[in-house]
């Protein structure tokens, strides 16, 4: 039981640490592609959940 609790504590701690790391800047070409007016409306509607610019941006 203690091992399970310790593992859960470690997992949540790791998640908290990973969210403290700054996200990389989104390059212009990705921002322009995501903002393209010819993208389907259904895709644009889901952008707030899917975060396509962040997904397409690779950390350096």
N, C-alpha and C. Protein backbone atom coordinates (compact mmCIF):
# COMPACT_ATOMS: atom_id res chain seq x y z
N UNK A 1 0.82 -1.19 0.00
CA UNK A 1 0.00 0.00 0.00
C UNK A 1 0.87 1.26 0.00
N UNK A 2 1.94 1.23 0.82
CA UNK A 2 2.83 2.38 0.87
C UNK A 2 3.53 2.58 -0.47
N UNK A 3 3.87 1.48 -1.12
CA UNK A 3 4.55 1.57 -2.42
C UNK A 3 3.65 2.21 -3.45
N UNK A 4 2.38 1.85 -3.44
CA UNK A 4 1.41 2.41 -4.37
C UNK A 4 1.25 3.92 -4.13
N UNK A 5 1.16 4.30 -2.87
CA UNK A 5 1.03 5.71 -2.52
C UNK A 5 2.27 6.49 -2.93
N UNK A 6 3.42 5.91 -2.72
CA UNK A 6 4.67 6.55 -3.09
C UNK A 6 4.76 6.72 -4.61
N UNK A 7 4.35 5.71 -5.35
CA UNK A 7 4.36 5.79 -6.81
C UNK A 7 3.42 6.88 -7.30
N UNK A 8 2.24 6.98 -6.69
CA UNK A 8 1.27 8.01 -7.09
C UNK A 8 1.82 9.39 -6.78
N UNK A 9 2.43 9.56 -5.64
CA UNK A 9 3.02 10.84 -5.26
C UNK A 9 4.11 11.23 -6.24
N UNK A 10 4.94 10.29 -6.61
CA UNK A 10 6.01 10.56 -7.57
C UNK A 10 5.43 10.95 -8.92
N UNK A 11 4.40 10.25 -9.38
CA UNK A 11 3.79 10.54 -10.68
C UNK A 11 3.19 11.94 -10.70
N UNK A 12 2.47 12.32 -9.67
CA UNK A 12 1.89 13.66 -9.62
C UNK A 12 2.96 14.72 -9.49
N UNK A 13 4.02 14.43 -8.78
CA UNK A 13 5.13 15.37 -8.67
C UNK A 13 5.81 15.58 -10.01
N UNK A 14 5.97 14.52 -10.76
CA UNK A 14 6.58 14.63 -12.09
C UNK A 14 5.71 15.45 -13.02
N UNK A 15 4.41 15.27 -12.92
CA UNK A 15 3.48 16.05 -13.76
C UNK A 15 3.57 17.53 -13.41
N UNK A 16 3.65 17.82 -12.14
CA UNK A 16 3.76 19.21 -11.72
C UNK A 16 5.04 19.85 -12.20
N UNK A 17 6.12 19.11 -12.15
CA UNK A 17 7.41 19.62 -12.62
C UNK A 17 7.39 19.85 -14.11
N UNK A 18 6.78 18.94 -14.88
CA UNK A 18 6.78 19.08 -16.33
C UNK A 18 5.96 20.28 -16.78
N UNK A 19 4.94 20.66 -16.01
CA UNK A 19 4.14 21.82 -16.40
C UNK A 19 4.87 23.13 -16.09
N UNK A 20 5.89 23.08 -15.25
CA UNK A 20 6.65 24.27 -14.91
C UNK A 20 7.65 24.62 -16.00
N UNK A 21 7.94 23.69 -16.89
CA UNK A 21 8.89 23.93 -17.98
C UNK A 21 8.21 24.80 -19.04
N UNK A 22 8.91 25.82 -19.49
CA UNK A 22 8.34 26.74 -20.49
C UNK A 22 8.15 26.04 -21.84
N UNK A 23 7.04 26.32 -22.47
CA UNK A 23 6.76 25.78 -23.80
C UNK A 23 7.62 26.52 -24.82
N UNK A 24 8.06 25.82 -25.86
CA UNK A 24 8.86 26.50 -26.89
C UNK A 24 8.02 27.51 -27.66
N UNK A 25 8.66 28.52 -28.19
CA UNK A 25 7.96 29.53 -29.00
C UNK A 25 7.45 28.88 -30.28
N UNK A 26 6.28 29.29 -30.71
CA UNK A 26 5.68 28.75 -31.94
C UNK A 26 6.24 29.52 -33.13
N UNK A 27 6.90 28.82 -34.07
CA UNK A 27 7.46 29.49 -35.25
C UNK A 27 6.37 30.15 -36.10
N UNK A 28 6.76 31.19 -36.80
CA UNK A 28 5.83 31.94 -37.66
C UNK A 28 5.12 31.06 -38.68
N UNK A 29 5.87 30.15 -39.31
CA UNK A 29 5.28 29.35 -40.37
C UNK A 29 4.19 28.41 -39.83
N UNK A 30 4.32 27.98 -38.59
CA UNK A 30 3.29 27.13 -37.99
C UNK A 30 2.08 27.99 -37.62
N UNK A 31 2.32 29.16 -37.03
CA UNK A 31 1.23 30.06 -36.67
C UNK A 31 0.41 30.45 -37.91
N UNK A 32 1.11 30.71 -39.02
CA UNK A 32 0.41 31.07 -40.26
C UNK A 32 -0.40 29.90 -40.81
N UNK A 33 0.13 28.70 -40.73
CA UNK A 33 -0.59 27.53 -41.22
C UNK A 33 -1.85 27.27 -40.40
N UNK A 34 -1.75 27.42 -39.09
CA UNK A 34 -2.91 27.20 -38.23
C UNK A 34 -3.95 28.31 -38.43
N UNK A 35 -3.52 29.52 -38.72
CA UNK A 35 -4.42 30.65 -38.93
C UNK A 35 -4.97 30.72 -40.35
N UNK A 36 -4.55 29.82 -41.21
CA UNK A 36 -4.98 29.83 -42.62
C UNK A 36 -6.51 29.79 -42.71
N UNK A 37 -7.11 30.76 -43.41
CA UNK A 37 -8.57 30.82 -43.50
C UNK A 37 -9.19 29.67 -44.31
N UNK A 38 -8.39 28.93 -45.05
CA UNK A 38 -8.94 27.83 -45.84
C UNK A 38 -9.03 26.52 -45.06
N UNK A 39 -8.58 26.53 -43.80
CA UNK A 39 -8.74 25.32 -42.97
C UNK A 39 -10.21 25.06 -42.71
N UNK A 40 -10.60 23.80 -42.65
CA UNK A 40 -12.00 23.47 -42.40
C UNK A 40 -12.50 24.02 -41.05
N UNK A 41 -13.75 24.47 -41.03
CA UNK A 41 -14.35 25.05 -39.83
C UNK A 41 -14.33 24.06 -38.67
N UNK A 42 -14.54 22.79 -38.96
CA UNK A 42 -14.53 21.77 -37.91
C UNK A 42 -13.19 21.66 -37.23
N UNK A 43 -12.11 21.82 -38.02
CA UNK A 43 -10.76 21.78 -37.44
C UNK A 43 -10.52 23.00 -36.56
N UNK A 44 -10.93 24.17 -37.05
CA UNK A 44 -10.74 25.40 -36.29
C UNK A 44 -11.50 25.35 -34.97
N UNK A 45 -12.67 24.76 -35.00
CA UNK A 45 -13.51 24.68 -33.81
C UNK A 45 -12.82 23.88 -32.70
N UNK A 46 -12.04 22.88 -33.09
CA UNK A 46 -11.37 22.01 -32.12
C UNK A 46 -9.96 22.48 -31.75
N UNK A 47 -9.51 23.59 -32.31
CA UNK A 47 -8.15 24.08 -32.04
C UNK A 47 -7.90 24.32 -30.56
N UNK A 48 -8.89 24.81 -29.82
CA UNK A 48 -8.66 25.11 -28.41
C UNK A 48 -8.39 23.85 -27.60
N UNK A 49 -8.89 22.72 -28.07
CA UNK A 49 -8.67 21.45 -27.37
C UNK A 49 -7.44 20.73 -27.91
N UNK A 50 -7.30 20.72 -29.22
CA UNK A 50 -6.21 19.98 -29.85
C UNK A 50 -4.88 20.71 -29.84
N UNK A 51 -4.90 22.03 -29.83
CA UNK A 51 -3.70 22.89 -29.81
C UNK A 51 -2.72 22.48 -30.93
N UNK A 52 -3.15 22.63 -32.19
CA UNK A 52 -2.31 22.17 -33.30
C UNK A 52 -0.96 22.87 -33.40
N UNK A 53 -0.90 24.16 -33.08
CA UNK A 53 0.38 24.87 -33.16
C UNK A 53 1.37 24.31 -32.16
N UNK A 54 0.91 24.03 -30.96
CA UNK A 54 1.81 23.48 -29.94
C UNK A 54 2.24 22.06 -30.30
N UNK A 55 1.32 21.29 -30.89
CA UNK A 55 1.65 19.92 -31.27
C UNK A 55 2.70 19.90 -32.39
N UNK A 56 2.58 20.83 -33.32
CA UNK A 56 3.50 20.87 -34.46
C UNK A 56 4.85 21.49 -34.12
N UNK A 57 4.94 22.18 -32.98
CA UNK A 57 6.19 22.82 -32.58
C UNK A 57 7.07 21.81 -31.84
N UNK A 58 8.24 21.59 -32.36
CA UNK A 58 9.19 20.66 -31.75
C UNK A 58 10.12 21.41 -30.81
N UNK A 59 10.36 20.87 -29.64
CA UNK A 59 11.31 21.53 -28.72
C UNK A 59 12.72 21.45 -29.28
N UNK A 60 13.49 22.46 -29.00
CA UNK A 60 14.88 22.48 -29.50
C UNK A 60 15.83 21.88 -28.51
